Amino acid sequence: MAHPRFGAGGAPQGPPQVIAKTLRYKDAQEHLLRRLGSALVLHWDALPDNLQDLIIDQAAAVEDRDAAAHESGDIENFIRGAKVVALTKPVAPADGEPPSK
């Protein structure tokens, strides 16, 4: 069955839109979702503005396991704040080398 947003040749049939779906995943997979979310936030500024808006609107539309604030403004404020406090990950030493100080 063809995806409703793509034609027979696989080309998009219009701009992406918020879809009425919610992601279901197992508890054991939640760490993967957190990693994907973190990666997305760290590269946020490289995304086109219209894609940023779409992702924020989609995030506000999906259901979550926990009842918590999830308005578009809350999500946008989180992204801005998270980028400010992002930490540089230390580089792991090569095998056999002592850790740098």
Protein backbone atom coordinates (compact mmCIF):
# COMPACT_ATOMS: atom_id res chain seq x y z
CA MET A 1 0.00 0.00 0.00
CA ALA A 2 1.39 3.40 -0.97
CA HIS A 3 2.01 6.03 1.67
CA PRO A 4 -0.72 8.71 1.40
CA ARG A 5 1.84 11.51 1.08
CA PHE A 6 3.76 9.87 -1.76
CA GLY A 7 2.73 9.17 -5.32
CA ALA A 8 3.33 6.03 -7.33
CA GLY A 9 6.92 7.08 -8.09
CA GLY A 10 7.70 7.79 -4.45
CA ALA A 11 7.82 11.58 -4.88
CA PRO A 12 6.22 13.69 -2.13
CA GLN A 13 2.70 14.91 -2.96
CA GLY A 14 3.00 18.11 -0.94
CA PRO A 15 4.63 19.53 2.14
CA PRO A 16 4.80 17.39 5.29
CA GLN A 17 1.93 17.93 7.71
CA VAL A 18 1.16 16.99 11.29
CA ILE A 19 -0.34 13.51 11.27
CA ALA A 20 -2.88 12.09 13.72
CA LYS A 21 -0.69 9.25 14.97
CA THR A 22 1.08 8.43 18.19
CA LEU A 23 4.26 6.40 18.45
CA ARG A 24 4.02 3.22 20.50
CA TYR A 25 7.16 1.68 21.91
CA LYS A 26 8.24 -0.71 24.63
CA ASP A 27 9.69 0.49 27.94
CA ALA A 28 12.99 -1.12 26.96
CA GLN A 29 13.08 1.10 23.83
CA GLU A 30 12.54 4.42 25.59
CA HIS A 31 16.29 5.10 25.82
CA LEU A 32 16.45 4.93 22.01
CA LEU A 33 13.71 7.53 21.71
CA ARG A 34 15.54 9.79 24.19
CA ARG A 35 18.74 9.48 22.15
CA LEU A 36 16.90 10.37 18.93
CA GLY A 37 15.28 13.34 20.64
CA SER A 38 18.63 14.53 22.01
CA ALA A 39 20.25 14.23 18.59
CA LEU A 40 17.41 16.21 17.03
CA VAL A 41 17.73 19.02 19.59
CA LEU A 42 21.50 19.22 19.14
CA HIS A 43 21.10 19.69 15.37
CA TRP A 44 17.99 21.86 15.65
CA ASP A 45 19.50 25.03 14.19
CA ALA A 46 20.54 23.18 11.01
CA LEU A 47 16.90 22.32 10.23
CA PRO A 48 14.81 24.62 8.03
CA ASP A 49 12.34 26.79 9.97
CA ASN A 50 9.29 25.11 8.40
CA LEU A 51 10.59 21.68 9.49
CA GLN A 52 11.25 22.96 13.00
CA ASP A 53 7.66 24.25 13.16
CA LEU A 54 6.30 20.93 11.88
CA ILE A 55 8.28 18.90 14.41
CA ILE A 56 7.16 21.12 17.30
CA ASP A 57 3.52 20.92 16.20
CA GLN A 58 3.76 17.13 15.79
CA ALA A 59 5.36 16.78 19.22
CA ALA A 60 2.48 18.77 20.75
CA ALA A 61 -0.06 16.57 18.95
CA VAL A 62 1.22 13.11 19.93
CA GLU A 63 0.11 11.42 23.12
CA ASP A 64 2.58 10.62 25.87
CA ARG A 65 2.70 8.04 28.65
CA ASP A 66 2.93 10.78 31.28
CA ALA A 67 0.57 13.70 31.71
CA ALA A 68 2.76 16.81 31.43
CA ALA A 69 2.89 20.18 29.73
CA HIS A 70 3.11 19.68 25.99
CA GLU A 71 1.97 22.84 24.27
CA SER A 72 4.02 24.03 21.29
CA GLY A 73 5.44 26.92 23.32
CA ASP A 74 6.54 24.58 26.11
CA ILE A 75 8.35 22.36 23.62
CA GLU A 76 10.00 25.31 21.86
CA ASN A 77 11.20 26.73 25.20
CA PHE A 78 12.60 23.32 26.14
CA ILE A 79 14.59 23.12 22.89
CA ARG A 80 16.06 26.60 23.41
CA GLY A 81 16.99 25.82 27.02
CA ALA A 82 18.42 22.38 26.28
CA LYS A 83 20.75 23.74 23.60
CA VAL A 84 22.10 26.32 26.04
CA VAL A 85 23.07 23.70 28.63
CA ALA A 86 24.32 21.05 26.17
CA LEU A 87 27.64 19.64 27.36
CA THR A 88 30.61 18.61 25.28
CA LYS A 89 31.13 14.87 25.58
CA PRO A 90 34.72 13.93 26.50
CA VAL A 91 36.59 11.97 23.85
CA ALA A 92 37.32 8.39 24.92
CA PRO A 93 41.03 7.50 24.82
CA ALA A 94 42.20 5.01 22.22
CA ASP A 95 42.82 1.47 23.46
CA GLY A 96 45.96 1.28 25.54
CA GLU A 97 46.30 5.04 26.09
CA PRO A 98 45.87 6.54 29.54
CA PRO A 99 42.95 8.97 29.95
CA SER A 100 43.90 12.59 29.34
CA LYS A 101 43.70 15.06 32.24
